[in-house]
N, C-alpha and C. Protein backbone atom coordinates (compact mmCIF):
# COMPACT_ATOMS: atom_id res chain seq x y z
N MET A 1 133.37 144.20 77.84
CA MET A 1 134.07 144.07 79.12
C MET A 1 133.81 142.84 79.85
N ASN A 2 134.78 142.13 80.29
CA ASN A 2 134.48 141.04 81.26
C ASN A 2 134.41 141.22 82.71
N VAL A 3 134.10 140.29 83.45
CA VAL A 3 134.02 140.44 84.70
C VAL A 3 135.30 140.92 85.59
N GLU A 4 136.43 140.11 84.97
CA GLU A 4 137.64 140.32 85.65
C GLU A 4 138.02 141.99 85.53
N ASN A 5 137.97 142.42 84.13
CA ASN A 5 138.25 143.80 83.91
C ASN A 5 137.29 144.71 84.84
N PHE A 6 135.99 144.37 84.84
CA PHE A 6 134.94 145.19 85.63
C PHE A 6 135.66 145.23 87.12
N ILE A 7 135.87 144.27 87.71
CA ILE A 7 136.51 144.18 89.14
C ILE A 7 137.76 144.91 89.22
N SER A 8 138.84 144.79 88.26
CA SER A 8 139.87 145.48 88.36
C SER A 8 139.82 147.07 88.25
N ASN A 9 138.67 147.37 87.64
CA ASN A 9 138.46 148.92 87.53
C ASN A 9 137.84 149.45 88.83
N GLN A 10 137.55 148.65 89.87
CA GLN A 10 136.95 148.97 91.11
C GLN A 10 138.27 149.53 91.96
N GLU A 11 137.85 150.27 92.94
CA GLU A 11 138.87 150.92 93.82
C GLU A 11 138.81 150.29 95.22
N GLY A 12 140.07 150.14 95.89
CA GLY A 12 140.30 149.80 97.36
C GLY A 12 139.21 148.59 97.76
N ALA A 13 138.54 148.73 98.97
CA ALA A 13 137.84 147.62 99.48
C ALA A 13 136.85 147.05 98.54
N THR A 14 136.28 147.90 97.69
CA THR A 14 135.26 147.38 96.65
C THR A 14 135.75 146.38 95.90
N ALA A 15 136.97 146.60 95.30
CA ALA A 15 137.70 145.71 94.46
C ALA A 15 138.10 144.29 95.30
N LYS A 16 138.53 144.47 96.27
CA LYS A 16 138.65 143.23 97.27
C LYS A 16 137.64 142.34 97.48
N ILE A 17 136.55 142.87 98.00
CA ILE A 17 135.22 142.25 98.27
C ILE A 17 134.85 141.66 96.92
N MET A 18 134.75 142.36 95.75
CA MET A 18 134.18 141.73 94.52
C MET A 18 135.25 140.64 94.04
N LEU A 19 136.44 140.77 94.15
CA LEU A 19 137.15 139.75 93.78
C LEU A 19 137.12 138.40 94.77
N HIS A 20 136.90 138.51 96.06
CA HIS A 20 136.62 137.53 96.79
C HIS A 20 135.29 136.86 96.52
N LEU A 21 134.27 137.57 96.40
CA LEU A 21 132.99 136.84 96.06
C LEU A 21 132.87 136.33 94.49
N ASN A 22 133.81 136.95 93.68
CA ASN A 22 133.90 136.43 92.23
C ASN A 22 134.78 135.05 92.44
N ASP A 23 135.76 135.07 93.29
CA ASP A 23 136.39 133.82 93.30
C ASP A 23 135.63 132.58 93.99
N ILE A 24 134.74 133.05 94.91
CA ILE A 24 133.94 132.07 95.65
C ILE A 24 132.85 131.36 94.61
N MET A 25 132.24 132.37 93.84
CA MET A 25 131.08 132.01 92.83
C MET A 25 131.82 131.03 91.73
N LEU A 26 133.05 131.61 91.30
CA LEU A 26 133.57 130.73 90.22
C LEU A 26 134.20 129.45 90.56
N SER A 27 134.41 129.08 91.88
CA SER A 27 134.95 127.99 92.31
C SER A 27 133.93 126.83 92.39
N ILE A 28 132.51 127.33 92.01
CA ILE A 28 131.37 126.40 92.27
C ILE A 28 131.38 125.81 90.73
N PRO A 29 131.34 124.28 90.61
CA PRO A 29 131.22 123.79 89.36
C PRO A 29 130.00 124.25 88.50
N GLY A 30 130.23 124.54 87.17
CA GLY A 30 129.25 124.94 86.42
C GLY A 30 128.79 126.46 86.42
N VAL A 31 129.32 127.24 87.32
CA VAL A 31 128.86 128.60 87.48
C VAL A 31 129.91 129.38 86.46
N THR A 32 129.20 130.36 85.81
CA THR A 32 129.86 131.24 84.91
C THR A 32 129.43 132.59 85.19
N SER A 33 130.21 133.60 84.60
CA SER A 33 129.82 134.95 84.96
C SER A 33 129.91 135.78 83.74
N LYS A 34 129.10 136.82 83.56
CA LYS A 34 128.85 137.69 82.60
C LYS A 34 128.44 139.16 82.97
N ILE A 35 128.98 140.02 82.26
CA ILE A 35 128.59 141.47 82.53
C ILE A 35 127.17 141.56 81.99
N ARG A 36 126.28 141.94 82.78
CA ARG A 36 124.65 142.28 82.29
C ARG A 36 124.36 143.47 83.24
N PHE A 37 123.59 144.46 82.54
CA PHE A 37 123.13 145.68 83.24
C PHE A 37 124.40 146.37 83.70
N ASN A 38 125.54 146.25 83.14
CA ASN A 38 126.78 146.93 83.66
C ASN A 38 127.29 146.53 84.94
N ILE A 39 126.98 145.09 85.43
CA ILE A 39 127.59 144.56 86.56
C ILE A 39 127.69 143.14 86.48
N PRO A 40 128.55 142.52 87.25
CA PRO A 40 128.79 141.14 87.17
C PRO A 40 127.61 140.27 87.65
N PHE A 41 127.08 139.35 86.76
CA PHE A 41 126.07 138.46 87.13
C PHE A 41 126.54 136.94 87.01
N TYR A 42 126.18 136.08 87.95
CA TYR A 42 126.58 134.73 88.03
C TYR A 42 125.39 133.73 87.55
N TYR A 43 125.63 132.66 86.83
CA TYR A 43 124.69 131.86 86.11
C TYR A 43 125.04 130.41 86.34
N ARG A 44 124.09 129.64 86.30
CA ARG A 44 124.29 128.08 86.05
C ARG A 44 123.43 127.81 85.06
N LYS A 45 121.98 127.25 85.55
CA LYS A 45 121.10 127.11 84.76
C LYS A 45 120.24 128.39 84.37
N SER A 46 120.27 129.31 85.39
CA SER A 46 119.65 130.58 85.36
C SER A 46 120.43 131.60 85.98
N TRP A 47 119.77 132.79 86.15
CA TRP A 47 120.64 133.72 87.03
C TRP A 47 120.64 133.43 88.38
N ILE A 48 121.59 133.68 89.25
CA ILE A 48 121.70 133.03 90.57
C ILE A 48 121.96 134.33 91.38
N CYS A 49 123.04 135.17 91.18
CA CYS A 49 123.16 136.26 91.78
C CYS A 49 124.04 137.40 91.05
N TYR A 50 124.24 138.47 91.76
CA TYR A 50 124.89 139.58 90.96
C TYR A 50 125.81 140.52 92.01
N LEU A 51 126.88 141.02 91.67
CA LEU A 51 127.53 141.91 92.45
C LEU A 51 127.32 143.44 92.08
N ASN A 52 126.91 144.36 92.94
CA ASN A 52 126.66 145.61 92.71
C ASN A 52 127.52 146.64 93.44
N PRO A 53 128.63 147.27 92.97
CA PRO A 53 129.31 148.17 93.66
C PRO A 53 128.59 149.40 94.02
N LEU A 54 128.48 149.71 95.24
CA LEU A 54 127.48 150.94 95.84
C LEU A 54 128.61 152.28 95.95
N LYS A 55 127.99 153.29 95.84
CA LYS A 55 128.75 154.55 96.03
C LYS A 55 129.37 154.78 97.35
N THR A 56 129.01 154.06 98.30
CA THR A 56 129.43 154.00 99.62
C THR A 56 130.64 153.38 99.99
N GLY A 57 131.09 152.65 98.94
CA GLY A 57 132.22 151.72 99.03
C GLY A 57 132.06 150.30 99.19
N SER A 58 130.79 150.00 99.62
CA SER A 58 130.37 148.67 99.98
C SER A 58 129.91 147.99 98.74
N VAL A 59 129.69 146.59 98.72
CA VAL A 59 129.23 145.93 97.54
C VAL A 59 128.09 145.02 98.01
N GLU A 60 127.04 145.15 97.04
CA GLU A 60 125.75 144.45 97.44
C GLU A 60 125.78 143.08 96.64
N PHE A 61 125.56 142.14 97.38
CA PHE A 61 125.67 140.77 96.83
C PHE A 61 124.31 140.27 96.86
N ALA A 62 123.74 140.40 95.69
CA ALA A 62 122.25 140.19 95.67
C ALA A 62 121.84 138.76 94.93
N PHE A 63 120.66 138.13 95.33
CA PHE A 63 120.32 136.99 94.80
C PHE A 63 118.96 137.20 94.10
N VAL A 64 119.11 136.86 92.84
CA VAL A 64 117.91 136.95 91.85
C VAL A 64 116.42 136.27 92.39
N ARG A 65 116.76 135.13 92.98
CA ARG A 65 115.62 134.36 93.49
C ARG A 65 115.62 134.59 95.03
N GLY A 66 116.09 135.56 95.72
CA GLY A 66 116.05 135.73 97.03
C GLY A 66 114.83 135.36 97.85
N ASN A 67 113.59 135.79 97.05
CA ASN A 67 112.17 135.66 97.74
C ASN A 67 112.12 134.07 97.76
N GLU A 68 112.68 133.26 97.12
CA GLU A 68 112.56 131.75 97.33
C GLU A 68 113.48 131.02 98.14
N LEU A 69 114.34 131.68 98.82
CA LEU A 69 115.42 131.24 99.72
C LEU A 69 114.85 131.25 101.08
N ALA A 70 115.23 130.26 101.93
CA ALA A 70 114.80 130.15 103.29
C ALA A 70 115.16 131.35 104.25
N ASN A 71 116.58 131.78 103.88
CA ASN A 71 117.05 133.03 104.65
C ASN A 71 116.85 132.94 106.07
N GLU A 72 117.34 131.75 106.71
CA GLU A 72 117.29 131.26 108.21
C GLU A 72 117.96 132.13 108.91
N SER A 73 119.22 132.57 108.57
CA SER A 73 120.11 133.61 109.18
C SER A 73 119.64 135.08 109.17
N GLY A 74 118.71 135.24 108.45
CA GLY A 74 118.23 136.69 108.33
C GLY A 74 119.19 137.61 107.79
N LEU A 75 120.24 137.02 106.91
CA LEU A 75 121.20 137.77 106.35
C LEU A 75 120.69 138.62 105.18
N LEU A 76 119.58 138.19 104.33
CA LEU A 76 119.33 138.87 103.23
C LEU A 76 118.17 139.88 103.59
N HIS A 77 118.18 140.93 102.89
CA HIS A 77 117.02 141.95 102.96
C HIS A 77 116.48 142.21 101.74
N SER A 78 115.04 142.43 101.66
CA SER A 78 114.70 142.87 100.25
C SER A 78 114.67 144.11 99.85
N LYS A 79 114.96 145.12 100.67
CA LYS A 79 114.99 146.56 100.40
C LYS A 79 113.82 146.89 99.64
N GLY A 80 112.63 146.47 99.93
CA GLY A 80 111.47 146.70 99.21
C GLY A 80 111.28 146.12 98.01
N ARG A 81 112.20 145.22 97.55
CA ARG A 81 111.96 144.38 96.23
C ARG A 81 111.06 143.24 96.52
N LYS A 82 110.29 142.88 95.53
CA LYS A 82 109.57 141.57 95.55
C LYS A 82 110.44 140.31 95.42
N GLN A 83 111.48 140.30 94.49
CA GLN A 83 112.12 138.99 94.22
C GLN A 83 113.66 138.98 94.76
N VAL A 84 114.30 140.14 94.41
CA VAL A 84 115.79 140.07 94.80
C VAL A 84 115.96 140.46 96.14
N TYR A 85 116.79 139.74 96.88
CA TYR A 85 117.29 139.82 98.16
C TYR A 85 118.65 140.06 98.12
N SER A 86 119.30 140.82 99.05
CA SER A 86 120.74 141.07 99.18
C SER A 86 121.29 141.24 100.47
N VAL A 87 122.58 141.22 100.60
CA VAL A 87 123.43 141.70 101.71
C VAL A 87 124.29 142.58 101.23
N GLU A 88 124.80 143.51 102.18
CA GLU A 88 125.81 144.53 101.73
C GLU A 88 127.04 144.10 102.49
N PHE A 89 128.24 144.23 101.83
CA PHE A 89 129.59 144.00 102.44
C PHE A 89 130.44 145.05 102.49
N GLY A 90 130.93 145.53 103.54
CA GLY A 90 131.84 146.73 103.57
C GLY A 90 133.37 146.49 103.62
N ALA A 91 133.57 145.10 103.77
CA ALA A 91 135.17 144.46 103.86
C ALA A 91 134.96 143.02 103.66
N VAL A 92 136.06 142.47 103.36
CA VAL A 92 136.18 141.04 102.98
C VAL A 92 135.89 140.15 104.31
N SER A 93 136.31 140.78 105.42
CA SER A 93 136.21 140.26 106.80
C SER A 93 134.69 140.11 107.17
N ASP A 94 133.81 140.80 106.49
CA ASP A 94 132.42 140.63 106.87
C ASP A 94 131.66 139.37 106.17
N ILE A 95 132.49 138.89 105.22
CA ILE A 95 131.94 137.71 104.65
C ILE A 95 132.06 136.60 105.47
N GLY A 96 130.94 136.03 105.86
CA GLY A 96 130.98 134.97 106.97
C GLY A 96 130.48 133.58 106.36
N GLU A 97 130.49 132.43 107.21
CA GLU A 97 130.16 131.19 106.94
C GLU A 97 128.57 131.20 106.33
N GLU A 98 127.85 132.03 106.96
CA GLU A 98 126.39 132.26 106.57
C GLU A 98 126.09 132.49 105.07
N VAL A 99 127.07 133.20 104.44
CA VAL A 99 126.99 133.58 103.11
C VAL A 99 127.16 132.25 102.20
N MET A 100 127.96 131.39 102.74
CA MET A 100 128.30 130.32 101.89
C MET A 100 126.92 129.32 101.97
N GLN A 101 126.35 129.44 103.12
CA GLN A 101 125.08 128.63 103.12
C GLN A 101 123.93 129.14 102.13
N VAL A 102 123.82 130.52 102.18
CA VAL A 102 122.88 131.06 101.20
C VAL A 102 123.27 130.80 99.86
N ILE A 103 124.74 130.86 99.46
CA ILE A 103 125.11 130.52 98.12
C ILE A 103 124.61 129.11 97.68
N GLN A 104 124.97 128.12 98.83
CA GLN A 104 124.76 126.70 98.55
C GLN A 104 123.22 126.60 98.31
N GLU A 105 122.39 127.15 99.03
CA GLU A 105 120.87 127.16 99.05
C GLU A 105 120.46 127.66 97.46
N ALA A 106 121.01 128.75 97.08
CA ALA A 106 120.66 129.42 95.94
C ALA A 106 121.03 128.53 94.64
N ILE A 107 122.11 127.91 94.66
CA ILE A 107 122.72 126.95 93.92
C ILE A 107 121.71 125.76 93.62
N LEU A 108 121.37 125.04 94.87
CA LEU A 108 120.46 124.07 94.93
C LEU A 108 118.98 124.36 94.38
N LEU A 109 118.59 125.59 94.52
CA LEU A 109 117.40 126.29 94.06
C LEU A 109 117.49 126.17 92.60
N ASP A 110 118.52 126.66 91.92
CA ASP A 110 118.80 126.70 90.51
C ASP A 110 118.63 125.52 90.04
N GLU A 111 119.32 124.42 90.76
CA GLU A 111 119.50 123.04 90.18
C GLU A 111 118.08 122.40 90.09
N THR A 112 117.24 122.49 91.05
CA THR A 112 115.95 121.73 91.31
C THR A 112 114.75 122.22 90.81
N VAL A 113 114.63 123.79 90.92
CA VAL A 113 113.40 124.34 90.55
C VAL A 113 113.55 125.27 89.32
N PRO A 114 113.00 125.06 88.19
CA PRO A 114 113.18 125.91 86.89
C PRO A 114 112.71 127.51 87.30
N TYR A 115 113.60 128.35 86.68
CA TYR A 115 113.28 129.68 86.95
C TYR A 115 112.09 130.09 86.18
N ALA A 116 111.00 130.74 86.56
CA ALA A 116 109.94 131.14 85.65
C ALA A 116 109.84 132.62 85.99
N SER A 117 110.10 133.34 85.03
CA SER A 117 110.00 134.82 84.89
C SER A 117 108.69 135.33 85.42
N LYS A 118 108.71 136.27 86.39
CA LYS A 118 107.51 136.82 86.90
C LYS A 118 107.15 137.72 86.17
N ARG A 119 107.55 138.33 85.06
CA ARG A 119 106.98 139.27 84.40
C ARG A 119 105.60 139.12 83.66
N SER A 120 104.96 140.11 83.47
CA SER A 120 103.52 139.86 82.66
C SER A 120 103.87 139.81 81.30
N LYS A 121 103.42 139.01 80.63
CA LYS A 121 103.49 138.97 79.15
C LYS A 121 102.50 139.66 78.30
């Protein structure tokens, strides 16, 4: 299954939110998408972010290296996780300019700082 099929299988607001965020991510040069762990992930040099449809009808937009982002707007939340930080959207209208700033910072981080897995070997 590819990302477009995954999104088209979603319902209502979830599909609209995911389609909007997918369009934003794929408009960035060099960004590609793949289904991993049964959800859409976005890559450039390494994992940047993913979309996770929630049972509530909202979508979690999560940044894999969220702990390394400045998060000056306070948009992202860890939800008890050490590395992944995310924001939930219940409607396309909830997606504001601060999201674009976080995306740009995540892309810059991916471009300039090599990803080092934190897993113990």
